[in-house]
Amino acid sequence: MADKYALFIWPAYLVTGVVFAALIGLSLSHSRRWKRRYEELSGKAPADPAKKAAP
């Protein structure tokens, strides 16, 4: 692992991993936001079992 390109390759892998993780996090965040917005506009109740009335 001590070849001349290791000083470039491993930080590049790290940056790529951080960017992928950020993209996944942002995608999930936006997905939740748009789902809530859709439920508000369509009048559908959120799918939260804690908010359902007990039988």
PDB file of N, CA and C in Angstrom:
ATOM      1  N   MET A   1       0.810  -1.200   0.000  1.00  0.00           N
ATOM      2  CA  MET A   1       0.000   0.000   0.000  1.00  0.00           C
ATOM      3  C   MET A   1       0.852   1.262   0.000  1.00  0.00           C
ATOM      4  N   ALA A   2       2.102   1.125  -0.134  1.00  0.00           N
ATOM      5  CA  ALA A   2       2.980   2.282  -0.050  1.00  0.00           C
ATOM      6  C   ALA A   2       3.427   2.753  -1.436  1.00  0.00           C
ATOM      7  N   ASP A   3       2.639   2.463  -2.452  1.00  0.00           N
ATOM      8  CA  ASP A   3       3.052   2.936  -3.772  1.00  0.00           C
ATOM      9  C   ASP A   3       2.770   4.435  -3.896  1.00  0.00           C
ATOM     10  N   LYS A   4       3.213   5.009  -4.985  1.00  0.00           N
ATOM     11  CA  LYS A   4       3.166   6.463  -5.115  1.00  0.00           C
ATOM     12  C   LYS A   4       1.757   7.027  -5.289  1.00  0.00           C
ATOM     13  N   TYR A   5       0.794   6.191  -5.614  1.00  0.00           N
ATOM     14  CA  TYR A   5      -0.561   6.693  -5.815  1.00  0.00           C
ATOM     15  C   TYR A   5      -1.441   6.579  -4.569  1.00  0.00           C
ATOM     16  N   ALA A   6      -0.961   5.901  -3.549  1.00  0.00           N
ATOM     17  CA  ALA A   6      -1.763   5.680  -2.344  1.00  0.00           C
ATOM     18  C   ALA A   6      -2.147   6.987  -1.667  1.00  0.00           C
ATOM     19  N   LEU A   7      -1.284   7.966  -1.718  1.00  0.00           N
ATOM     20  CA  LEU A   7      -1.591   9.253  -1.085  1.00  0.00           C
ATOM     21  C   LEU A   7      -2.729   9.982  -1.793  1.00  0.00           C
ATOM     22  N   PHE A   8      -3.014   9.618  -3.018  1.00  0.00           N
ATOM     23  CA  PHE A   8      -4.127  10.209  -3.748  1.00  0.00           C
ATOM     24  C   PHE A   8      -5.376   9.334  -3.685  1.00  0.00           C
ATOM     25  N   ILE A   9      -5.219   8.044  -3.820  1.00  0.00           N
ATOM     26  CA  ILE A   9      -6.353   7.121  -3.947  1.00  0.00           C
ATOM     27  C   ILE A   9      -7.176   7.034  -2.678  1.00  0.00           C
ATOM     28  N   TRP A  10      -6.552   6.842  -1.508  1.00  0.00           N
ATOM     29  CA  TRP A  10      -7.330   6.661  -0.280  1.00  0.00           C
ATOM     30  C   TRP A  10      -8.121   7.901   0.109  1.00  0.00           C
ATOM     31  N   PRO A  11      -7.573   9.101   0.015  1.00  0.00           N
ATOM     32  CA  PRO A  11      -8.420  10.278   0.272  1.00  0.00           C
ATOM     33  C   PRO A  11      -9.546  10.429  -0.753  1.00  0.00           C
ATOM     34  N   ALA A  12      -9.297  10.021  -1.986  1.00  0.00           N
ATOM     35  CA  ALA A  12     -10.344  10.086  -3.001  1.00  0.00           C
ATOM     36  C   ALA A  12     -11.481   9.126  -2.663  1.00  0.00           C
ATOM     37  N   TYR A  13     -11.139   7.932  -2.175  1.00  0.00           N
ATOM     38  CA  TYR A  13     -12.176   6.989  -1.715  1.00  0.00           C
ATOM     39  C   TYR A  13     -12.973   7.588  -0.561  1.00  0.00           C
ATOM     40  N   LEU A  14     -12.285   8.212   0.362  1.00  0.00           N
ATOM     41  CA  LEU A  14     -12.946   8.816   1.519  1.00  0.00           C
ATOM     42  C   LEU A  14     -13.904   9.920   1.087  1.00  0.00           C
ATOM     43  N   VAL A  15     -13.455  10.790   0.214  1.00  0.00           N
ATOM     44  CA  VAL A  15     -14.318  11.876  -0.271  1.00  0.00           C
ATOM     45  C   VAL A  15     -15.518  11.305  -1.007  1.00  0.00           C
ATOM     46  N   THR A  16     -15.307  10.291  -1.818  1.00  0.00           N
ATOM     47  CA  THR A  16     -16.403   9.657  -2.549  1.00  0.00           C
ATOM     48  C   THR A  16     -17.418   9.053  -1.595  1.00  0.00           C
ATOM     49  N   GLY A  17     -16.951   8.380  -0.562  1.00  0.00           N
ATOM     50  CA  GLY A  17     -17.852   7.793   0.429  1.00  0.00           C
ATOM     51  C   GLY A  17     -18.659   8.849   1.157  1.00  0.00           C
ATOM     52  N   VAL A  18     -18.019   9.951   1.520  1.00  0.00           N
ATOM     53  CA  VAL A  18     -18.727  11.042   2.210  1.00  0.00           C
ATOM     54  C   VAL A  18     -19.781  11.659   1.289  1.00  0.00           C
ATOM     55  N   VAL A  19     -19.438  11.868   0.043  1.00  0.00           N
ATOM     56  CA  VAL A  19     -20.391  12.442  -0.908  1.00  0.00           C
ATOM     57  C   VAL A  19     -21.570  11.496  -1.130  1.00  0.00           C
ATOM     58  N   PHE A  20     -21.311  10.204  -1.294  1.00  0.00           N
ATOM     59  CA  PHE A  20     -22.404   9.235  -1.461  1.00  0.00           C
ATOM     60  C   PHE A  20     -23.317   9.226  -0.239  1.00  0.00           C
ATOM     61  N   ALA A  21     -22.723   9.235   0.956  1.00  0.00           N
ATOM     62  CA  ALA A  21     -23.531   9.245   2.181  1.00  0.00           C
ATOM     63  C   ALA A  21     -24.380  10.511   2.259  1.00  0.00           C
ATOM     64  N   ALA A  22     -23.815  11.645   1.884  1.00  0.00           N
ATOM     65  CA  ALA A  22     -24.565  12.904   1.900  1.00  0.00           C
ATOM     66  C   ALA A  22     -25.706  12.864   0.888  1.00  0.00           C
ATOM     67  N   LEU A  23     -25.457  12.330  -0.289  1.00  0.00           N
ATOM     68  CA  LEU A  23     -26.509  12.244  -1.308  1.00  0.00           C
ATOM     69  C   LEU A  23     -27.648  11.331  -0.857  1.00  0.00           C
ATOM     70  N   ILE A  24     -27.311  10.221  -0.232  1.00  0.00           N
ATOM     71  CA  ILE A  24     -28.346   9.313   0.266  1.00  0.00           C
ATOM     72  C   ILE A  24     -29.143   9.989   1.366  1.00  0.00           C
ATOM     73  N   GLY A  25     -28.456  10.651   2.291  1.00  0.00           N
ATOM     74  CA  GLY A  25     -29.143  11.359   3.367  1.00  0.00           C
ATOM     75  C   GLY A  25     -30.061  12.452   2.853  1.00  0.00           C
ATOM     76  N   LEU A  26     -29.592  13.234   1.912  1.00  0.00           N
ATOM     77  CA  LEU A  26     -30.421  14.301   1.350  1.00  0.00           C
ATOM     78  C   LEU A  26     -31.611  13.730   0.582  1.00  0.00           C
ATOM     79  N   SER A  27     -31.403  12.647  -0.141  1.00  0.00           N
ATOM     80  CA  SER A  27     -32.501  12.028  -0.880  1.00  0.00           C
ATOM     81  C   SER A  27     -33.587  11.524   0.066  1.00  0.00           C
ATOM     82  N   LEU A  28     -33.188  10.868   1.146  1.00  0.00           N
ATOM     83  CA  LEU A  28     -34.170  10.384   2.116  1.00  0.00           C
ATOM     84  C   LEU A  28     -34.894  11.538   2.795  1.00  0.00           C
ATOM     85  N   SER A  29     -34.166  12.588   3.107  1.00  0.00           N
ATOM     86  CA  SER A  29     -34.770  13.752   3.744  1.00  0.00           C
ATOM     87  C   SER A  29     -35.813  14.409   2.834  1.00  0.00           C
ATOM     88  N   HIS A  30     -35.446  14.606   1.579  1.00  0.00           N
ATOM     89  CA  HIS A  30     -36.394  15.205   0.636  1.00  0.00           C
ATOM     90  C   HIS A  30     -37.583  14.288   0.391  1.00  0.00           C
ATOM     91  N   SER A  31     -37.347  12.996   0.360  1.00  0.00           N
ATOM     92  CA  SER A  31     -38.442  12.046   0.156  1.00  0.00           C
ATOM     93  C   SER A  31     -39.449  12.146   1.292  1.00  0.00           C
ATOM     94  N   ARG A  32     -38.973  12.197   2.528  1.00  0.00           N
ATOM     95  CA  ARG A  32     -39.891  12.335   3.669  1.00  0.00           C
ATOM     96  C   ARG A  32     -40.656  13.645   3.597  1.00  0.00           C
ATOM     97  N   ARG A  33     -39.964  14.717   3.205  1.00  0.00           N
ATOM     98  CA  ARG A  33     -40.614  16.024   3.116  1.00  0.00           C
ATOM     99  C   ARG A  33     -41.716  16.011   2.056  1.00  0.00           C
ATOM    100  N   TRP A  34     -41.435  15.449   0.875  1.00  0.00           N
ATOM    101  CA  TRP A  34     -42.432  15.422  -0.187  1.00  0.00           C
ATOM    102  C   TRP A  34     -43.595  14.494   0.154  1.00  0.00           C
ATOM    103  N   LYS A  35     -43.316  13.421   0.874  1.00  0.00           N
ATOM    104  CA  LYS A  35     -44.391  12.519   1.287  1.00  0.00           C
ATOM    105  C   LYS A  35     -45.330  13.230   2.256  1.00  0.00           C
ATOM    106  N   ARG A  36     -44.764  13.950   3.227  1.00  0.00           N
ATOM    107  CA  ARG A  36     -45.607  14.715   4.156  1.00  0.00           C
ATOM    108  C   ARG A  36     -46.413  15.768   3.410  1.00  0.00           C
ATOM    109  N   ARG A  37     -45.803  16.444   2.465  1.00  0.00           N
ATOM    110  CA  ARG A  37     -46.495  17.488   1.689  1.00  0.00           C
ATOM    111  C   ARG A  37     -47.640  16.878   0.886  1.00  0.00           C
ATOM    112  N   TYR A  38     -47.404  15.724   0.271  1.00  0.00           N
ATOM    113  CA  TYR A  38     -48.448  15.048  -0.493  1.00  0.00           C
ATOM    114  C   TYR A  38     -49.617  14.678   0.418  1.00  0.00           C
ATOM    115  N   GLU A  39     -49.291  14.142   1.602  1.00  0.00           N
ATOM    116  CA  GLU A  39     -50.359  13.758   2.518  1.00  0.00           C
ATOM    117  C   GLU A  39     -51.152  14.969   2.987  1.00  0.00           C
ATOM    118  N   GLU A  40     -50.497  16.100   3.181  1.00  0.00           N
ATOM    119  CA  GLU A  40     -51.200  17.317   3.576  1.00  0.00           C
ATOM    120  C   GLU A  40     -52.147  17.781   2.478  1.00  0.00           C
ATOM    121  N   LEU A  41     -51.658  17.788   1.254  1.00  0.00           N
ATOM    122  CA  LEU A  41     -52.455  18.303   0.137  1.00  0.00           C
ATOM    123  C   LEU A  41     -53.583  17.355  -0.266  1.00  0.00           C
ATOM    124  N   SER A  42     -53.359  16.051  -0.125  1.00  0.00           N
ATOM    125  CA  SER A  42     -54.382  15.106  -0.552  1.00  0.00           C
ATOM    126  C   SER A  42     -55.377  14.800   0.555  1.00  0.00           C
ATOM    127  N   GLY A  43     -55.099  15.264   1.758  1.00  0.00           N
ATOM    128  CA  GLY A  43     -56.009  15.032   2.861  1.00  0.00           C
ATOM    129  C   GLY A  43     -55.868  13.671   3.496  1.00  0.00           C
ATOM    130  N   LYS A  44     -54.856  12.947   3.125  1.00  0.00           N
ATOM    131  CA  LYS A  44     -54.637  11.626   3.712  1.00  0.00           C
ATOM    132  C   LYS A  44     -53.977  11.787   5.075  1.00  0.00           C
ATOM    133  N   ALA A  45     -54.359  10.925   5.987  1.00  0.00           N
ATOM    134  CA  ALA A  45     -53.754  10.942   7.314  1.00  0.00           C
ATOM    135  C   ALA A  45     -52.358  10.334   7.235  1.00  0.00           C
ATOM    136  N   PRO A  46     -51.433  10.823   8.035  1.00  0.00           N
ATOM    137  CA  PRO A  46     -50.108  10.214   8.035  1.00  0.00           C
ATOM    138  C   PRO A  46     -50.166   8.776   8.521  1.00  0.00           C
ATOM    139  N   ALA A  47     -49.272   7.964   8.006  1.00  0.00           N
ATOM    140  CA  ALA A  47     -49.250   6.543   8.347  1.00  0.00           C
ATOM    141  C   ALA A  47     -48.469   6.325   9.627  1.00  0.00           C
ATOM    142  N   ASP A  48     -48.897   6.971  10.696  1.00  0.00           N
ATOM    143  CA  ASP A  48     -48.229   6.859  11.986  1.00  0.00           C
ATOM    144  C   ASP A  48     -49.099   6.035  12.914  1.00  0.00           C
ATOM    145  N   PRO A  49     -48.691   4.816  13.253  1.00  0.00           N
ATOM    146  CA  PRO A  49     -49.543   3.962  14.089  1.00  0.00           C
ATOM    147  C   PRO A  49     -49.769   4.530  15.482  1.00  0.00           C
ATOM    148  N   ALA A  50     -48.906   5.391  15.949  1.00  0.00           N
ATOM    149  CA  ALA A  50     -49.078   5.975  17.287  1.00  0.00           C
ATOM    150  C   ALA A  50     -50.264   6.934  17.330  1.00  0.00           C
ATOM    151  N   LYS A  51     -50.634   7.495  16.203  1.00  0.00           N
ATOM    152  CA  LYS A  51     -51.721   8.452  16.148  1.00  0.00           C
ATOM    153  C   LYS A  51     -53.094   7.801  15.943  1.00  0.00           C
ATOM    154  N   LYS A  52     -53.111   6.505  15.683  1.00  0.00           N
ATOM    155  CA  LYS A  52     -54.373   5.809  15.480  1.00  0.00           C
ATOM    156  C   LYS A  52     -55.073   5.630  16.824  1.00  0.00           C
ATOM    157  N   ALA A  53     -56.384   5.651  16.786  1.00  0.00           N
ATOM    158  CA  ALA A  53     -57.156   5.475  18.010  1.00  0.00           C
ATOM    159  C   ALA A  53     -57.114   4.010  18.441  1.00  0.00           C
ATOM    160  N   ALA A  54     -57.080   3.808  19.733  1.00  0.00           N
ATOM    161  CA  ALA A  54     -57.067   2.444  20.256  1.00  0.00           C
ATOM    162  C   ALA A  54     -58.452   1.830  20.129  1.00  0.00           C
ATOM    163  N   PRO A  55     -58.538   0.519  19.822  1.00  0.00           N
ATOM    164  CA  PRO A  55     -59.853  -0.122  19.650  1.00  0.00           C
ATOM    165  C   PRO A  55     -60.590  -0.293  20.943  1.00  0.00           C
TER     166      PRO A  55
END
